[in-house]
Amino acid sequence: MARTKSSSRWLQEHVNDPYVKQAQKDGYRSRSSYKLLELNEKDRLIRPGMLIVDLGAAPGGWSWVLLEKRARVIAVDPAMLRPDLYERRGLRHVKESAFTFEPEETVDWLFCDMAWRPLEAAALLAKWARRHWARMLVANLKLPMKRKAEMAIRLREVLADGGWTRIRMRQLYHDRDEITVVAARG
């Protein structure tokens, strides 16, 4: 099957991305690791022993960083994680869709960096607040090529309607066309 023009363009950008190359050199699972490292360096969110769900975890970039910080991680993704992650203590991989997964207990943090339609992802995160499944949230939400500011406002509304409070949105250095959200459950 031939690649589409947009998928060929993405692949070319990905192969030439300096952070993809740096991640491989530094031993990280993906370039997304740098987003979480940057956020944690600024806000010191992750502490040892915290229970964290990582929605859309494959290939495991965020899960790897969370495990390095000695958190307990429930990595949710129907796809396989990088093989070396399975050797790490504190990881449980649930091969299930983020949209059907329900935690057995309230977790400290919900982390989400899924490549998914932003309003649907925000609605999923809002459900987590409504059902009291997580105390705090970190998520990267993808933005459309046009009308990014309007979409960011709408995403904030969806999250707030779900029960997330103290919502902070910002674009990190390592974000592409996305915003990083940090929030707490009201």
C-alpha atoms as a PDB file:
ATOM      1  CA  MET A   1       0.000   0.000   0.000  1.00  0.00           C
ATOM      2  CA  ALA A   2       1.406   3.384  -1.005  1.00  0.00           C
ATOM      3  CA  ARG A   3       1.905   6.114   1.583  1.00  0.00           C
ATOM      4  CA  THR A   4      -0.208   9.241   1.431  1.00  0.00           C
ATOM      5  CA  LYS A   5       1.492  12.567   0.826  1.00  0.00           C
ATOM      6  CA  SER A   6       0.859  13.663   4.437  1.00  0.00           C
ATOM      7  CA  SER A   7       2.150  10.403   5.936  1.00  0.00           C
ATOM      8  CA  SER A   8       5.274  10.594   3.752  1.00  0.00           C
ATOM      9  CA  ARG A   9       5.797  14.198   4.889  1.00  0.00           C
ATOM     10  CA  TRP A  10       5.360  13.187   8.559  1.00  0.00           C
ATOM     11  CA  LEU A  11       7.811  10.301   8.176  1.00  0.00           C
ATOM     12  CA  GLN A  12      10.384  12.601   6.552  1.00  0.00           C
ATOM     13  CA  GLU A  13       9.988  15.177   9.362  1.00  0.00           C
ATOM     14  CA  HIS A  14      10.182  12.418  11.991  1.00  0.00           C
ATOM     15  CA  VAL A  15      13.365  10.889  10.554  1.00  0.00           C
ATOM     16  CA  ASN A  16      15.013  14.314  10.407  1.00  0.00           C
ATOM     17  CA  ASP A  17      13.712  15.538  13.782  1.00  0.00           C
ATOM     18  CA  PRO A  18      16.723  16.356  15.985  1.00  0.00           C
ATOM     19  CA  TYR A  19      14.799  15.349  19.132  1.00  0.00           C
ATOM     20  CA  VAL A  20      14.001  11.906  17.713  1.00  0.00           C
ATOM     21  CA  LYS A  21      17.720  11.455  17.114  1.00  0.00           C
ATOM     22  CA  GLN A  22      18.577  12.846  20.549  1.00  0.00           C
ATOM     23  CA  ALA A  23      16.030  10.549  22.236  1.00  0.00           C
ATOM     24  CA  GLN A  24      17.639   7.528  20.601  1.00  0.00           C
ATOM     25  CA  LYS A  25      21.074   8.740  21.678  1.00  0.00           C
ATOM     26  CA  ASP A  26      19.917   9.436  25.269  1.00  0.00           C
ATOM     27  CA  GLY A  27      18.162   6.063  25.559  1.00  0.00           C
ATOM     28  CA  TYR A  28      14.605   7.427  25.728  1.00  0.00           C
ATOM     29  CA  ARG A  29      11.716   5.584  24.121  1.00  0.00           C
ATOM     30  CA  SER A  30      10.472   8.540  22.056  1.00  0.00           C
ATOM     31  CA  ARG A  31      10.805  12.297  21.604  1.00  0.00           C
ATOM     32  CA  SER A  32       7.758  12.748  23.847  1.00  0.00           C
ATOM     33  CA  SER A  33       9.997  11.915  26.823  1.00  0.00           C
ATOM     34  CA  TYR A  34      11.445  15.415  26.576  1.00  0.00           C
ATOM     35  CA  LYS A  35       8.007  17.000  27.012  1.00  0.00           C
ATOM     36  CA  LEU A  36       7.503  15.232  30.310  1.00  0.00           C
ATOM     37  CA  LEU A  37      11.064  15.879  31.473  1.00  0.00           C
ATOM     38  CA  GLU A  38      10.634  19.588  30.701  1.00  0.00           C
ATOM     39  CA  LEU A  39       7.309  19.779  32.526  1.00  0.00           C
ATOM     40  CA  ASN A  40       8.596  17.908  35.570  1.00  0.00           C
ATOM     41  CA  GLU A  41      11.724  20.062  35.708  1.00  0.00           C
ATOM     42  CA  LYS A  42       9.542  23.176  35.929  1.00  0.00           C
ATOM     43  CA  ASP A  43       6.765  21.896  38.190  1.00  0.00           C
ATOM     44  CA  ARG A  44       8.199  18.886  40.097  1.00  0.00           C
ATOM     45  CA  LEU A  45       4.997  16.877  39.654  1.00  0.00           C
ATOM     46  CA  ILE A  46       6.219  13.310  40.025  1.00  0.00           C
ATOM     47  CA  ARG A  47       7.245  11.792  43.346  1.00  0.00           C
ATOM     48  CA  PRO A  48       8.333   8.230  44.155  1.00  0.00           C
ATOM     49  CA  GLY A  49       5.492   5.822  44.867  1.00  0.00           C
ATOM     50  CA  MET A  50       2.760   7.818  43.120  1.00  0.00           C
ATOM     51  CA  LEU A  51       0.222   5.733  41.210  1.00  0.00           C
ATOM     52  CA  ILE A  52      -0.052   7.044  37.651  1.00  0.00           C
ATOM     53  CA  VAL A  53      -2.114   5.954  34.664  1.00  0.00           C
ATOM     54  CA  ASP A  54      -0.484   6.654  31.290  1.00  0.00           C
ATOM     55  CA  LEU A  55      -3.238   6.599  28.634  1.00  0.00           C
ATOM     56  CA  GLY A  56      -2.044   5.882  25.104  1.00  0.00           C
ATOM     57  CA  ALA A  57       1.275   4.730  26.513  1.00  0.00           C
ATOM     58  CA  ALA A  58       2.886   3.042  23.482  1.00  0.00           C
ATOM     59  CA  PRO A  59       5.743   3.059  22.697  1.00  0.00           C
ATOM     60  CA  GLY A  60       6.413   4.012  26.311  1.00  0.00           C
ATOM     61  CA  GLY A  61       8.181   7.390  26.329  1.00  0.00           C
ATOM     62  CA  TRP A  62       6.230   8.843  29.234  1.00  0.00           C
ATOM     63  CA  SER A  63       6.013   5.537  31.102  1.00  0.00           C
ATOM     64  CA  TRP A  64       9.808   5.247  30.964  1.00  0.00           C
ATOM     65  CA  VAL A  65      10.277   8.732  32.460  1.00  0.00           C
ATOM     66  CA  LEU A  66       7.651   8.050  35.155  1.00  0.00           C
ATOM     67  CA  LEU A  67       9.383   4.795  36.100  1.00  0.00           C
ATOM     68  CA  GLU A  68      12.727   6.605  36.224  1.00  0.00           C
ATOM     69  CA  LYS A  69      11.110   8.911  38.811  1.00  0.00           C
ATOM     70  CA  ARG A  70      10.084   5.730  40.722  1.00  0.00           C
ATOM     71  CA  ALA A  71       6.353   6.116  40.174  1.00  0.00           C
ATOM     72  CA  ARG A  72       4.073   3.091  39.849  1.00  0.00           C
ATOM     73  CA  VAL A  73       2.694   3.121  36.304  1.00  0.00           C
ATOM     74  CA  ILE A  74      -0.369   1.568  34.720  1.00  0.00           C
ATOM     75  CA  ALA A  75       0.384   1.911  30.998  1.00  0.00           C
ATOM     76  CA  VAL A  76      -2.836   1.666  28.977  1.00  0.00           C
ATOM     77  CA  ASP A  77      -2.539   0.982  25.263  1.00  0.00           C
ATOM     78  CA  PRO A  78      -3.644  -1.865  22.988  1.00  0.00           C
ATOM     79  CA  ALA A  79      -0.238  -1.711  21.287  1.00  0.00           C
ATOM     80  CA  MET A  80       2.920  -3.232  22.702  1.00  0.00           C
ATOM     81  CA  LEU A  81       5.383  -1.116  24.612  1.00  0.00           C
ATOM     82  CA  ARG A  82       9.082  -1.218  23.877  1.00  0.00           C
ATOM     83  CA  PRO A  83      10.330  -4.622  25.100  1.00  0.00           C
ATOM     84  CA  ASP A  84      12.807  -3.246  27.629  1.00  0.00           C
ATOM     85  CA  LEU A  85       9.990  -1.502  29.518  1.00  0.00           C
ATOM     86  CA  TYR A  86       8.528  -4.846  30.568  1.00  0.00           C
ATOM     87  CA  GLU A  87      11.666  -5.496  32.601  1.00  0.00           C
ATOM     88  CA  ARG A  88      11.067  -2.388  34.717  1.00  0.00           C
ATOM     89  CA  ARG A  89       9.743  -2.672  38.245  1.00  0.00           C
ATOM     90  CA  GLY A  90       6.542  -0.738  38.913  1.00  0.00           C
ATOM     91  CA  LEU A  91       4.987  -1.153  35.444  1.00  0.00           C
ATOM     92  CA  ARG A  92       1.686  -2.810  34.649  1.00  0.00           C
ATOM     93  CA  HIS A  93       0.661  -2.811  30.980  1.00  0.00           C
ATOM     94  CA  VAL A  94      -3.063  -3.012  30.280  1.00  0.00           C
ATOM     95  CA  LYS A  95      -3.635  -3.860  26.596  1.00  0.00           C
ATOM     96  CA  GLU A  96      -6.885  -1.963  26.260  1.00  0.00           C
ATOM     97  CA  SER A  97      -8.211   1.170  24.625  1.00  0.00           C
ATOM     98  CA  ALA A  98      -7.935   4.349  26.660  1.00  0.00           C
ATOM     99  CA  PHE A  99     -11.629   4.893  25.933  1.00  0.00           C
ATOM    100  CA  THR A 100     -12.751   1.664  27.619  1.00  0.00           C
ATOM    101  CA  PHE A 101     -10.240   1.375  30.470  1.00  0.00           C
ATOM    102  CA  GLU A 102     -11.546   1.969  34.002  1.00  0.00           C
ATOM    103  CA  PRO A 103      -9.112   2.008  36.938  1.00  0.00           C
ATOM    104  CA  GLU A 104      -9.701  -0.233  39.943  1.00  0.00           C
ATOM    105  CA  GLU A 105      -8.880   2.628  42.328  1.00  0.00           C
ATOM    106  CA  THR A 106      -8.402   6.391  42.269  1.00  0.00           C
ATOM    107  CA  VAL A 107      -4.930   7.252  40.983  1.00  0.00           C
ATOM    108  CA  ASP A 108      -2.711  10.187  41.860  1.00  0.00           C
ATOM    109  CA  TRP A 109      -2.142  11.296  38.282  1.00  0.00           C
ATOM    110  CA  LEU A 110      -3.667  10.716  34.877  1.00  0.00           C
ATOM    111  CA  PHE A 111      -1.099  11.256  32.137  1.00  0.00           C
ATOM    112  CA  CYS A 112      -2.207  11.318  28.513  1.00  0.00           C
ATOM    113  CA  ASP A 113      -0.259  11.987  25.322  1.00  0.00           C
ATOM    114  CA  MET A 114      -2.490  10.294  22.766  1.00  0.00           C
ATOM    115  CA  ALA A 115      -2.457  11.278  19.126  1.00  0.00           C
ATOM    116  CA  TRP A 116      -6.228  11.643  19.009  1.00  0.00           C
ATOM    117  CA  ARG A 117      -8.872  14.176  18.012  1.00  0.00           C
ATOM    118  CA  PRO A 118      -8.624  16.910  20.665  1.00  0.00           C
ATOM    119  CA  LEU A 119     -12.288  17.262  21.625  1.00  0.00           C
ATOM    120  CA  GLU A 120     -12.714  13.499  21.993  1.00  0.00           C
ATOM    121  CA  ALA A 121      -9.543  13.285  24.081  1.00  0.00           C
ATOM    122  CA  ALA A 122     -10.741  16.176  26.277  1.00  0.00           C
ATOM    123  CA  ALA A 123     -14.121  14.479  26.735  1.00  0.00           C
ATOM    124  CA  LEU A 124     -12.330  11.310  27.876  1.00  0.00           C
ATOM    125  CA  LEU A 125     -10.247  13.296  30.363  1.00  0.00           C
ATOM    126  CA  ALA A 126     -13.387  15.068  31.609  1.00  0.00           C
ATOM    127  CA  LYS A 127     -14.947  11.648  32.274  1.00  0.00           C
ATOM    128  CA  TRP A 128     -11.984  10.803  34.510  1.00  0.00           C
ATOM    129  CA  ALA A 129     -12.665  13.906  36.630  1.00  0.00           C
ATOM    130  CA  ARG A 130     -16.432  13.298  36.811  1.00  0.00           C
ATOM    131  CA  ARG A 131     -15.895   9.719  37.969  1.00  0.00           C
ATOM    132  CA  HIS A 132     -13.162  10.705  40.453  1.00  0.00           C
ATOM    133  CA  TRP A 133     -10.698   8.294  38.867  1.00  0.00           C
ATOM    134  CA  ALA A 134      -7.690  10.647  39.165  1.00  0.00           C
ATOM    135  CA  ARG A 135      -6.708  13.484  41.469  1.00  0.00           C
ATOM    136  CA  MET A 136      -4.531  15.353  38.970  1.00  0.00           C
ATOM    137  CA  LEU A 137      -4.038  15.523  35.223  1.00  0.00           C
ATOM    138  CA  VAL A 138      -1.233  16.055  32.743  1.00  0.00           C
ATOM    139  CA  ALA A 139      -2.212  15.808  29.096  1.00  0.00           C
ATOM    140  CA  ASN A 140      -0.962  16.845  25.710  1.00  0.00           C
ATOM    141  CA  LEU A 141      -3.819  17.768  23.425  1.00  0.00           C
ATOM    142  CA  LYS A 142      -3.242  18.038  19.706  1.00  0.00           C
ATOM    143  CA  LEU A 143      -4.332  21.253  18.006  1.00  0.00           C
ATOM    144  CA  PRO A 144      -5.639  21.731  14.472  1.00  0.00           C
ATOM    145  CA  MET A 145      -3.541  23.584  11.929  1.00  0.00           C
ATOM    146  CA  LYS A 146      -5.984  26.509  11.963  1.00  0.00           C
ATOM    147  CA  ARG A 147      -7.883  28.224  14.784  1.00  0.00           C
ATOM    148  CA  LYS A 148      -5.605  26.925  17.532  1.00  0.00           C
ATOM    149  CA  ALA A 149      -6.588  29.589  20.076  1.00  0.00           C
ATOM    150  CA  GLU A 150     -10.291  28.889  19.624  1.00  0.00           C
ATOM    151  CA  MET A 151      -9.690  25.155  20.044  1.00  0.00           C
ATOM    152  CA  ALA A 152      -7.648  25.734  23.214  1.00  0.00           C
ATOM    153  CA  ILE A 153     -10.543  27.718  24.717  1.00  0.00           C
ATOM    154  CA  ARG A 154     -12.999  24.958  23.827  1.00  0.00           C
ATOM    155  CA  LEU A 155     -10.737  22.268  25.300  1.00  0.00           C
ATOM    156  CA  ARG A 156     -10.478  24.220  28.566  1.00  0.00           C
ATOM    157  CA  GLU A 157     -14.293  24.432  28.702  1.00  0.00           C
ATOM    158  CA  VAL A 158     -14.688  20.673  28.194  1.00  0.00           C
ATOM    159  CA  LEU A 159     -12.161  19.911  30.932  1.00  0.00           C
ATOM    160  CA  ALA A 160     -13.718  22.416  33.354  1.00  0.00           C
ATOM    161  CA  ASP A 161     -17.224  21.079  32.673  1.00  0.00           C
ATOM    162  CA  GLY A 162     -15.916  17.623  33.610  1.00  0.00           C
ATOM    163  CA  GLY A 163     -14.672  18.842  36.969  1.00  0.00           C
ATOM    164  CA  TRP A 164     -11.004  19.686  36.420  1.00  0.00           C
ATOM    165  CA  THR A 165      -9.944  22.898  38.199  1.00  0.00           C
ATOM    166  CA  ARG A 166      -6.784  25.019  38.344  1.00  0.00           C
ATOM    167  CA  ILE A 167      -6.369  24.274  34.646  1.00  0.00           C
ATOM    168  CA  ARG A 168      -3.077  25.527  33.236  1.00  0.00           C
ATOM    169  CA  MET A 169      -2.411  25.304  29.526  1.00  0.00           C
ATOM    170  CA  ARG A 170       0.886  26.058  27.879  1.00  0.00           C
ATOM    171  CA  GLN A 171       2.997  25.152  24.933  1.00  0.00           C
ATOM    172  CA  LEU A 172       6.233  23.530  26.014  1.00  0.00           C
ATOM    173  CA  TYR A 173       9.431  23.869  24.032  1.00  0.00           C
ATOM    174  CA  HIS A 174       9.174  20.249  22.846  1.00  0.00           C
ATOM    175  CA  ASP A 175       5.485  20.475  21.889  1.00  0.00           C
ATOM    176  CA  ARG A 176       4.693  20.624  18.206  1.00  0.00           C
ATOM    177  CA  ASP A 177       1.090  21.443  17.333  1.00  0.00           C
ATOM    178  CA  GLU A 178      -0.219  20.729  20.800  1.00  0.00           C
ATOM    179  CA  ILE A 179      -0.693  22.192  24.244  1.00  0.00           C
ATOM    180  CA  THR A 180       0.157  20.697  27.602  1.00  0.00           C
ATOM    181  CA  VAL A 181      -2.529  20.811  30.253  1.00  0.00           C
ATOM    182  CA  VAL A 182      -2.028  20.431  34.008  1.00  0.00           C
ATOM    183  CA  ALA A 183      -5.122  20.346  36.233  1.00  0.00           C
ATOM    184  CA  ALA A 184      -6.503  19.114  39.535  1.00  0.00           C
ATOM    185  CA  ARG A 185      -9.878  17.600  40.313  1.00  0.00           C
ATOM    186  CA  GLY A 186     -12.182  20.095  42.054  1.00  0.00           C
END
